[in-house]
């Protein structure tokens, strides 16, 4: 239950979820600004116009990060700040990220920067968004200026955060921006997102000759069958293909899983959007692999469902999102990745939980979140004892923030945010995380035991 000096502790956020300043310094709307304006899409029609006002309060937030004692802070860049119009670079937008990264470095905090955390510019969406193969070039142009302006300050780059969400939640299920419900569009979008990842990794290494590590972050959820029946096993296979293998296989094996291509072909007229050479580029060598882990999946057979599965009842303890708390299954996932996919260094780029937090006498006693974090960090420690090479852990999230279609109804932060006053209050989980980092151990120091 201890961590080496080399192990990296961090915390994470994303641009649209915390920045606010939605129309300042040249920023134009993203697909999330548009999506939030559609009645019924986001809880109480909340939006990210102000969010945590981090754009104006980043100095204060950096002090919180410093006081936590983390080694690194993961954040994302808002593409519409950098290119508010097609082909038009906005130096004012970039200036914010230069200030942010240089201040982090001054405080001894390493910036880990995600290029894409779902805020596609509206100008790109109006030309087809990720379904248009030209999006690969638009993303490369954007990444190029980020590398030119920021690479000297950045400790590590992540190309994309959770292509499953951007692709399948955005273009297939319709619960994320842009809110489409078309599997063919979703598969094209995912393909172009993964292709843009490969192109940008290649650019950083071959054009910039940079030694800054770069990788991708996938959200992975190990899937289990409710029973041992043939039908439920089939359901689990298909759920795993949709959630995990459709992303893992191209990135690490240079191919899409054939069983899923067959299953999807009922909805896809042609796979001719996959060009010669695409898969080699998508599976380009990276320096590390980022994993966002929150929960497991439990499924059962449903002949009427598109892919023959549906969620099954689970008696596991759950978070405020209704997600199973599953640290044991997290370990299963890492074992599988090591066996079937990659020996790259792994970073847990997000892990955390939402609960219904209340302020009582200026404190937030989020006991369940403390337990959740401890359980998952214990799993990380045990995995490293087995030689699984997990090199870092980023707790999601630094702040309560705009939780996408859930608006401000779900709180993932270890720091409570009063969205009216913008006051920040450390929850018990923040105090506990700081203690773990300081001691590099999950053991509670005897001096603090009451």
Protein backbone atom coordinates (compact mmCIF):
# COMPACT_ATOMS: atom_id res chain seq x y z
CA UNK A 1 0.00 0.00 0.00
CA UNK A 2 2.95 2.31 -0.63
CA UNK A 3 4.03 4.26 -3.71
CA UNK A 4 7.53 4.94 -4.95
CA UNK A 5 8.99 8.42 -5.34
CA UNK A 6 8.73 7.94 -9.11
CA UNK A 7 4.97 7.28 -8.99
CA UNK A 8 3.02 10.30 -10.27
CA UNK A 9 0.05 11.64 -8.35
CA UNK A 10 -2.21 14.09 -10.12
CA UNK A 11 -5.66 15.53 -10.49
CA UNK A 12 -7.61 16.40 -13.62
CA UNK A 13 -10.18 18.69 -15.25
CA UNK A 14 -11.29 19.65 -18.77
CA UNK A 15 -11.75 22.98 -20.50
CA UNK A 16 -15.50 23.15 -21.13
CA UNK A 17 -16.28 21.73 -17.69
CA UNK A 18 -14.45 24.40 -15.69
CA UNK A 19 -13.28 27.41 -17.72
CA UNK A 20 -16.38 29.51 -18.37
CA UNK A 21 -15.50 32.75 -20.24
CA UNK A 22 -17.41 31.26 -23.16
CA UNK A 23 -17.30 34.41 -25.31
CA UNK A 24 -14.09 36.06 -24.10
CA UNK A 25 -10.77 36.74 -25.85
CA UNK A 26 -12.03 35.53 -29.20
CA UNK A 27 -13.48 32.15 -28.23
CA UNK A 28 -16.36 31.03 -30.44
CA UNK A 29 -18.96 28.36 -29.62
CA UNK A 30 -18.23 24.65 -29.46
CA UNK A 31 -20.70 21.83 -30.07
CA UNK A 32 -21.34 21.77 -26.32
CA UNK A 33 -22.46 25.42 -26.30
CA UNK A 34 -24.90 24.46 -29.05
CA UNK A 35 -26.01 21.22 -27.38
CA UNK A 36 -26.72 22.93 -24.05
CA UNK A 37 -29.11 25.32 -25.81
CA UNK A 38 -31.34 22.45 -27.01
CA UNK A 39 -34.21 21.97 -24.52
CA UNK A 40 -34.15 18.58 -22.83
CA UNK A 41 -30.54 17.69 -23.65
CA UNK A 42 -28.87 18.91 -20.45
CA UNK A 43 -30.23 18.84 -16.89
CA UNK A 44 -32.22 22.07 -16.31
CA UNK A 45 -30.61 23.42 -19.49
CA UNK A 46 -27.39 24.14 -17.57
CA UNK A 47 -24.35 25.19 -19.63
CA UNK A 48 -20.65 25.94 -19.39
CA UNK A 49 -20.92 29.71 -19.89
CA UNK A 50 -19.47 30.35 -16.42
CA UNK A 51 -18.84 26.84 -15.00
CA UNK A 52 -16.13 27.18 -12.31
CA UNK A 53 -14.92 30.48 -13.81
CA UNK A 54 -11.46 28.89 -13.91
CA UNK A 55 -10.48 31.21 -16.79
CA UNK A 56 -10.48 34.09 -14.30
CA UNK A 57 -9.64 32.11 -11.17
CA UNK A 58 -6.81 29.90 -12.38
CA UNK A 59 -4.32 31.49 -9.97
CA UNK A 60 -6.51 30.52 -7.02
CA UNK A 61 -7.04 27.05 -8.46
CA UNK A 62 -3.30 26.55 -8.95
CA UNK A 63 -2.81 27.26 -5.24
CA UNK A 64 -5.33 24.53 -4.42
CA UNK A 65 -3.45 22.15 -6.73
CA UNK A 66 -0.17 23.09 -5.06
CA UNK A 67 -1.63 22.59 -1.59
CA UNK A 68 -2.81 19.11 -2.56
CA UNK A 69 0.84 18.27 -3.18
CA UNK A 70 0.25 16.57 -6.53
CA UNK A 71 3.12 16.09 -8.96
CA UNK A 72 1.05 16.89 -12.04
CA UNK A 73 -2.18 18.51 -13.22
CA UNK A 74 -4.07 17.27 -16.25
CA UNK A 75 -6.22 19.77 -18.16
CA UNK A 76 -7.47 20.20 -21.71
CA UNK A 77 -7.22 22.99 -24.25
CA UNK A 78 -10.39 24.50 -25.74
CA UNK A 79 -10.03 24.14 -29.51
CA UNK A 80 -12.49 27.06 -30.18
CA UNK A 81 -10.17 29.37 -28.22
CA UNK A 82 -7.25 28.47 -30.48
CA UNK A 83 -9.11 28.34 -33.81
CA UNK A 84 -12.32 30.38 -33.39
CA UNK A 85 -12.73 30.20 -37.17
CA UNK A 86 -11.46 27.71 -39.70
CA UNK A 87 -7.79 28.42 -40.41
CA UNK A 88 -7.71 31.48 -38.13
CA UNK A 89 -5.29 31.19 -35.19
CA UNK A 90 -6.21 33.20 -32.08
CA UNK A 91 -3.11 34.24 -30.12
CA UNK A 92 -5.23 35.59 -27.25
CA UNK A 93 -6.72 32.17 -26.67
CA UNK A 94 -3.29 30.56 -26.63
CA UNK A 95 -2.00 33.20 -24.20
CA UNK A 96 -4.25 31.79 -21.47
CA UNK A 97 -2.69 28.33 -21.75
CA UNK A 98 0.81 29.79 -21.83
CA UNK A 99 0.08 31.60 -18.57
CA UNK A 100 -1.49 28.49 -17.06
CA UNK A 101 1.36 26.13 -17.98
CA UNK A 102 4.13 28.53 -16.99
CA UNK A 103 2.48 29.25 -13.61
CA UNK A 104 2.06 25.53 -12.96
CA UNK A 105 5.76 25.00 -13.67
CA UNK A 106 6.70 27.88 -11.35
CA UNK A 107 4.79 26.08 -8.59
CA UNK A 108 6.53 22.78 -9.34
CA UNK A 109 3.48 21.15 -10.96
CA UNK A 110 3.93 19.28 -14.25
CA UNK A 111 1.32 20.13 -16.93
CA UNK A 112 -0.28 17.11 -18.60
CA UNK A 113 -2.24 18.47 -21.55
CA UNK A 114 -5.16 16.87 -23.40
CA UNK A 115 -5.70 18.28 -26.87
CA UNK A 116 -9.30 17.14 -27.29
CA UNK A 117 -11.84 16.75 -24.50
CA UNK A 118 -14.99 17.01 -26.65
CA UNK A 119 -15.33 20.75 -27.34
CA UNK A 120 -15.28 20.61 -31.15
CA UNK A 121 -15.61 24.12 -32.67
CA UNK A 122 -19.01 24.83 -34.21
CA UNK A 123 -17.34 25.81 -37.49
CA UNK A 124 -15.96 22.26 -37.72
CA UNK A 125 -19.33 20.74 -36.82
CA UNK A 126 -21.02 22.76 -39.55
CA UNK A 127 -18.72 21.08 -42.07
CA UNK A 128 -19.62 17.60 -40.83
CA UNK A 129 -17.57 17.47 -37.63
CA UNK A 130 -15.77 14.19 -37.04
CA UNK A 131 -17.79 12.44 -39.76
CA UNK A 132 -15.85 14.49 -42.33
CA UNK A 133 -12.42 13.04 -43.07
CA UNK A 134 -11.08 16.61 -43.35
CA UNK A 135 -11.46 16.78 -39.56
CA UNK A 136 -8.17 14.86 -39.37
CA UNK A 137 -6.41 17.81 -41.03
CA UNK A 138 -8.25 20.39 -38.91
CA UNK A 139 -7.15 18.60 -35.76
CA UNK A 140 -3.57 18.35 -37.03
CA UNK A 141 -3.50 22.11 -37.72
CA UNK A 142 -4.75 22.75 -34.20
CA UNK A 143 -2.26 20.32 -32.62
CA UNK A 144 0.58 21.86 -34.60
CA UNK A 145 0.14 25.31 -33.07
CA UNK A 146 -0.30 23.76 -29.61
CA UNK A 147 3.02 21.96 -30.06
CA UNK A 148 4.72 25.10 -31.41
CA UNK A 149 3.49 27.30 -28.57
CA UNK A 150 3.43 24.95 -25.60
CA UNK A 151 5.64 21.89 -26.07
CA UNK A 152 8.51 23.42 -24.10
CA UNK A 153 6.21 23.79 -21.06
CA UNK A 154 4.31 20.51 -21.29
CA UNK A 155 5.33 17.36 -19.42
CA UNK A 156 3.08 15.00 -21.41
CA UNK A 157 0.51 15.20 -24.21
CA UNK A 158 -2.74 13.28 -24.59
CA UNK A 159 -4.27 13.45 -28.07
CA UNK A 160 -7.85 12.46 -27.27
CA UNK A 161 -9.89 11.88 -24.16
CA UNK A 162 -12.37 9.00 -24.43
CA UNK A 163 -13.11 8.61 -28.16
CA UNK A 164 -15.93 6.25 -27.11
CA UNK A 165 -17.82 9.19 -25.60
CA UNK A 166 -17.06 11.63 -28.40
CA UNK A 167 -17.96 9.02 -31.03
CA UNK A 168 -20.64 6.74 -29.62
CA UNK A 169 -22.32 8.99 -27.04
CA UNK A 170 -22.13 11.95 -29.43
CA UNK A 171 -23.05 10.40 -32.78
CA UNK A 172 -24.76 7.08 -31.94
CA UNK A 173 -26.60 7.38 -28.62
CA UNK A 174 -27.15 11.12 -28.94
CA UNK A 175 -26.73 11.87 -25.23
CA UNK A 176 -23.59 13.98 -25.79
CA UNK A 177 -22.95 16.74 -28.31
CA UNK A 178 -23.66 16.89 -31.20
CA UNK A 179 -26.62 14.68 -30.21
CA UNK A 180 -26.89 12.52 -33.34
CA UNK A 181 -28.26 8.97 -33.36
CA UNK A 182 -26.66 7.28 -36.35
CA UNK A 183 -24.28 4.34 -35.98
CA UNK A 184 -22.71 4.87 -39.39
CA UNK A 185 -21.88 8.47 -38.47
CA UNK A 186 -20.52 7.26 -35.13
CA UNK A 187 -18.17 4.72 -36.73
CA UNK A 188 -16.87 7.36 -39.16
CA UNK A 189 -16.41 9.83 -36.31
CA UNK A 190 -14.51 7.30 -34.20
CA UNK A 191 -12.33 6.35 -37.17
CA UNK A 192 -11.40 9.95 -37.89
CA UNK A 193 -10.75 10.68 -34.20
CA UNK A 194 -8.39 7.68 -34.00
CA UNK A 195 -6.79 8.62 -37.31
CA UNK A 196 -6.19 12.19 -36.09
CA UNK A 197 -4.58 10.71 -32.97
CA UNK A 198 -2.08 8.76 -35.08
CA UNK A 199 -1.35 11.71 -37.34
CA UNK A 200 -0.65 14.01 -34.40
CA UNK A 201 1.61 11.49 -32.61
CA UNK A 202 3.57 11.13 -35.84
CA UNK A 203 3.81 14.92 -36.17
CA UNK A 204 5.16 15.46 -32.66
CA UNK A 205 7.82 12.81 -33.14
CA UNK A 206 8.82 13.23 -36.79
CA UNK A 207 8.19 16.93 -37.51
CA UNK A 208 8.91 18.44 -34.11
CA UNK A 209 11.45 15.78 -33.03
CA UNK A 210 10.02 16.33 -29.55
CA UNK A 211 10.88 14.07 -26.64
CA UNK A 212 7.72 14.99 -24.73
CA UNK A 213 5.77 11.76 -24.10
CA UNK A 214 2.48 11.44 -25.97
CA UNK A 215 -0.38 8.96 -25.75
CA UNK A 216 -4.16 8.54 -25.89
CA UNK A 217 -6.75 8.07 -23.14
CA UNK A 218 -9.50 5.45 -23.50
CA UNK A 219 -12.35 4.96 -21.04
CA UNK A 220 -12.52 1.24 -20.39
CA UNK A 221 -15.14 -0.73 -18.54
CA UNK A 222 -14.62 -4.48 -18.08
CA UNK A 223 -17.84 -6.29 -19.00
CA UNK A 224 -19.24 -9.37 -17.27
CA UNK A 225 -22.11 -11.70 -18.20
CA UNK A 226 -24.91 -11.95 -15.66
CA UNK A 227 -24.91 -15.77 -15.96
CA UNK A 228 -22.85 -18.50 -17.60
CA UNK A 229 -25.55 -19.07 -20.22
CA UNK A 230 -24.53 -19.01 -23.89
CA UNK A 231 -26.86 -16.07 -24.49
CA UNK A 232 -25.43 -13.95 -21.67
CA UNK A 233 -21.85 -14.80 -22.77
CA UNK A 234 -22.74 -13.55 -26.26
CA UNK A 235 -24.20 -10.40 -24.74
CA UNK A 236 -20.98 -9.79 -22.79
CA UNK A 237 -18.86 -10.32 -25.89
CA UNK A 238 -20.87 -7.75 -27.83
CA UNK A 239 -20.90 -5.22 -24.99
CA UNK A 240 -17.13 -5.60 -24.66
CA UNK A 241 -16.75 -5.10 -28.41
CA UNK A 242 -18.81 -1.91 -28.33
CA UNK A 243 -17.23 -0.43 -25.20
CA UNK A 244 -13.64 -1.66 -25.28
CA UNK A 245 -12.37 -3.66 -28.25
CA UNK A 246 -13.59 -1.21 -30.92
CA UNK A 247 -10.93 1.16 -29.53
CA UNK A 248 -8.27 -1.13 -28.10
CA UNK A 249 -7.93 -3.29 -31.23
CA UNK A 250 -7.21 -0.48 -33.71
CA UNK A 251 -4.85 1.34 -31.32
CA UNK A 252 -2.83 -1.75 -30.35
CA UNK A 253 -3.46 -4.32 -33.10
CA UNK A 254 -4.05 -2.12 -36.14
CA UNK A 255 -7.48 -3.60 -36.89
CA UNK A 256 -11.12 -3.34 -35.94
CA UNK A 257 -12.65 -6.49 -34.38
CA UNK A 258 -14.23 -8.51 -37.19
CA UNK A 259 -17.13 -9.78 -35.07
CA UNK A 260 -18.18 -6.18 -34.38
CA UNK A 261 -17.75 -5.13 -38.01
CA UNK A 262 -20.18 -7.93 -38.88
CA UNK A 263 -22.59 -6.90 -36.13
CA UNK A 264 -22.46 -3.21 -37.12
CA UNK A 265 -22.81 -3.94 -40.85
CA UNK A 266 -26.58 -4.09 -40.51
CA UNK A 267 -26.43 -0.31 -39.93
CA UNK A 268 -23.37 0.61 -42.01
CA UNK A 269 -23.66 0.78 -45.77
CA UNK A 270 -19.93 0.54 -46.37
CA UNK A 271 -16.61 0.54 -44.53
CA UNK A 272 -14.94 2.44 -47.37
CA UNK A 273 -14.19 5.31 -44.98
CA UNK A 274 -11.26 3.10 -43.86
CA UNK A 275 -8.50 3.91 -46.35
CA UNK A 276 -5.31 2.04 -47.09
CA UNK A 277 -2.67 2.95 -44.52
CA UNK A 278 -5.19 4.22 -41.94
CA UNK A 279 -4.81 1.31 -39.55
CA UNK A 280 -1.00 1.56 -39.56
CA UNK A 281 -1.29 5.24 -38.61
CA UNK A 282 -3.90 4.62 -35.89
CA UNK A 283 -1.69 1.94 -34.30
CA UNK A 284 1.44 4.16 -34.29
CA UNK A 285 3.71 3.61 -31.28
CA UNK A 286 2.95 5.87 -28.33
CA UNK A 287 4.93 6.54 -25.16
CA UNK A 288 2.23 5.63 -22.63
CA UNK A 289 -1.39 4.54 -22.44
CA UNK A 290 -4.00 6.53 -20.50
CA UNK A 291 -6.99 4.77 -18.95
CA UNK A 292 -10.08 6.36 -17.44
CA UNK A 293 -11.73 3.89 -15.10
CA UNK A 294 -14.94 4.40 -13.17
CA UNK A 295 -16.94 1.19 -13.10
CA UNK A 296 -17.60 -2.24 -14.57
CA UNK A 297 -20.43 -3.43 -16.83
CA UNK A 298 -22.83 -6.28 -16.09
CA UNK A 299 -25.02 -7.37 -19.00
CA UNK A 300 -27.59 -9.94 -20.03
CA UNK A 301 -28.97 -11.12 -23.35
CA UNK A 302 -31.74 -9.17 -25.07
CA UNK A 303 -32.72 -10.40 -28.55
CA UNK A 304 -34.57 -7.13 -29.27
CA UNK A 305 -31.58 -4.88 -28.58
CA UNK A 306 -29.41 -3.75 -31.51
CA UNK A 307 -26.37 -5.63 -30.27
CA UNK A 308 -28.24 -8.26 -28.25
CA UNK A 309 -27.36 -7.03 -24.78
CA UNK A 310 -28.75 -4.83 -22.06
CA UNK A 311 -27.58 -3.79 -18.62
CA UNK A 312 -28.34 -6.31 -15.87
CA UNK A 313 -29.25 -5.76 -12.24
CA UNK A 314 -26.22 -5.63 -9.96
CA UNK A 315 -26.20 -5.70 -6.17
CA UNK A 316 -22.85 -3.87 -5.97
CA UNK A 317 -22.60 -0.68 -3.95
CA UNK A 318 -23.03 2.26 -6.31
CA UNK A 319 -21.84 5.85 -6.77
CA UNK A 320 -24.15 8.82 -7.23
CA UNK A 321 -24.15 8.04 -10.96
CA UNK A 322 -25.59 4.59 -10.26
CA UNK A 323 -22.29 2.99 -11.29
CA UNK A 324 -20.96 -0.15 -9.60
CA UNK A 325 -17.96 0.41 -7.33
CA UNK A 326 -15.61 -2.22 -8.69
CA UNK A 327 -11.91 -2.03 -7.70
CA UNK A 328 -11.49 -5.81 -8.13
CA UNK A 329 -12.74 -5.60 -11.71
CA UNK A 330 -10.34 -2.71 -12.28
CA UNK A 331 -7.53 -5.14 -11.49
CA UNK A 332 -9.04 -7.66 -13.93
CA UNK A 333 -8.98 -4.98 -16.61
CA UNK A 334 -5.29 -4.18 -16.11
CA UNK A 335 -4.36 -7.87 -16.16
CA UNK A 336 -6.23 -8.29 -19.43
CA UNK A 337 -4.56 -5.24 -21.01
CA UNK A 338 -1.13 -6.56 -20.07
CA UNK A 339 -1.94 -10.01 -21.42
CA UNK A 340 -3.71 -9.06 -24.64
CA UNK A 341 -2.72 -5.54 -25.65
CA UNK A 342 0.26 -3.57 -24.44
CA UNK A 343 3.35 -3.28 -22.27
CA UNK A 344 3.37 0.54 -22.49
CA UNK A 345 3.53 2.41 -19.19
CA UNK A 346 -0.05 2.93 -17.98
CA UNK A 347 -1.41 6.08 -16.39
CA UNK A 348 -4.83 6.11 -14.77
CA UNK A 349 -5.77 9.48 -16.28
CA UNK A 350 -9.16 9.61 -14.53
CA UNK A 351 -10.68 7.78 -11.59
CA UNK A 352 -13.24 9.15 -9.18
CA UNK A 353 -16.87 9.17 -8.13
CA UNK A 354 -19.89 11.43 -7.88
CA UNK A 355 -21.86 11.55 -4.65
CA UNK A 356 -24.52 13.86 -3.28
CA UNK A 357 -22.20 16.15 -1.32
CA UNK A 358 -23.53 18.58 1.29
CA UNK A 359 -21.73 21.41 3.07
CA UNK A 360 -22.11 21.17 6.85
CA UNK A 361 -20.51 23.88 8.99
CA UNK A 362 -18.05 24.70 6.24
CA UNK A 363 -16.98 21.09 5.72
CA UNK A 364 -17.92 18.36 3.25
CA UNK A 365 -17.72 14.88 4.79
CA UNK A 366 -17.64 12.75 1.63
CA UNK A 367 -16.87 9.45 3.35
CA UNK A 368 -17.93 7.34 0.35
CA UNK A 369 -15.57 9.17 -2.00
CA UNK A 370 -12.68 8.75 0.43
CA UNK A 371 -13.38 5.00 0.49
CA UNK A 372 -13.68 4.87 -3.31
CA UNK A 373 -10.31 6.58 -3.82
CA UNK A 374 -8.60 4.45 -1.19
CA UNK A 375 -9.94 1.23 -2.69
CA UNK A 376 -8.76 2.11 -6.19
CA UNK A 377 -5.37 3.36 -5.03
CA UNK A 378 -4.94 0.14 -3.06
CA UNK A 379 -5.68 -1.76 -6.28
CA UNK A 380 -3.06 0.33 -8.12
CA UNK A 381 -0.51 -0.41 -5.40
CA UNK A 382 -1.27 -4.15 -5.54
CA UNK A 383 -1.04 -4.15 -9.34
CA UNK A 384 2.36 -2.48 -9.18
CA UNK A 385 3.51 -5.09 -6.66
CA UNK A 386 2.69 -7.59 -9.42
CA UNK A 387 4.81 -5.64 -11.92
CA UNK A 388 1.89 -4.15 -13.89
CA UNK A 389 3.74 -0.83 -14.36
CA UNK A 390 1.10 1.76 -13.55
CA UNK A 391 3.17 4.92 -13.41
CA UNK A 392 0.62 7.47 -12.29
CA UNK A 393 -2.89 8.23 -11.04
CA UNK A 394 -5.04 11.30 -11.71
CA UNK A 395 -8.02 11.77 -9.40
CA UNK A 396 -11.12 13.07 -11.20
CA UNK A 397 -11.91 15.76 -10.52
CA UNK A 398 -10.11 18.69 -8.94
CA UNK A 399 -13.34 20.70 -8.80
CA UNK A 400 -17.05 20.08 -8.91
CA UNK A 401 -17.89 21.13 -12.45
CA UNK A 402 -20.22 20.98 -15.44
CA UNK A 403 -20.94 17.26 -15.72
CA UNK A 404 -22.02 17.21 -19.37
CA UNK A 405 -25.67 16.13 -19.84
CA UNK A 406 -26.05 16.03 -16.04
CA UNK A 407 -25.25 19.75 -15.78
CA UNK A 408 -24.30 20.80 -12.26
CA UNK A 409 -26.41 18.05 -10.68
CA UNK A 410 -23.51 15.59 -10.26
CA UNK A 411 -20.45 16.45 -8.21
CA UNK A 412 -17.19 14.60 -8.91
CA UNK A 413 -14.84 17.12 -7.32
CA UNK A 414 -12.59 16.69 -4.32
CA UNK A 415 -13.07 20.45 -3.94
CA UNK A 416 -16.66 21.62 -3.52
CA UNK A 417 -17.72 24.55 -5.68
CA UNK A 418 -20.60 26.83 -4.75
CA UNK A 419 -21.65 27.75 -8.28
CA UNK A 420 -23.36 30.97 -7.10
CA UNK A 421 -20.45 32.44 -5.16
CA UNK A 422 -17.63 30.38 -6.78
CA UNK A 423 -16.32 29.62 -3.29
CA UNK A 424 -14.06 26.54 -3.20
CA UNK A 425 -14.25 24.24 -0.15
CA UNK A 426 -11.95 21.27 0.36
CA UNK A 427 -13.91 18.07 0.91
CA UNK A 428 -12.58 15.41 3.27
CA UNK A 429 -11.44 13.53 0.14
CA UNK A 430 -9.10 16.39 -0.79
CA UNK A 431 -7.55 16.36 2.69
CA UNK A 432 -7.18 12.57 2.55
CA UNK A 433 -5.67 12.64 -0.95
CA UNK A 434 -3.13 15.25 0.16
CA UNK A 435 -2.21 13.02 3.11
CA UNK A 436 -1.77 9.95 0.87
CA UNK A 437 0.45 11.93 -1.53
CA UNK A 438 2.55 13.38 1.27
CA UNK A 439 3.12 9.96 2.86
CA UNK A 440 3.24 8.03 -0.43
CA UNK A 441 1.17 5.51 1.48
CA UNK A 442 -2.44 4.58 2.24
CA UNK A 443 -1.59 3.92 5.86
CA UNK A 444 -3.11 6.51 8.15
CA UNK A 445 -0.34 8.14 10.24
CA UNK A 446 -0.77 7.28 13.91
CA UNK A 447 -0.86 10.98 14.84
CA UNK A 448 -4.13 11.43 12.92
CA UNK A 449 -5.94 8.40 14.32
CA UNK A 450 -8.64 9.60 16.71
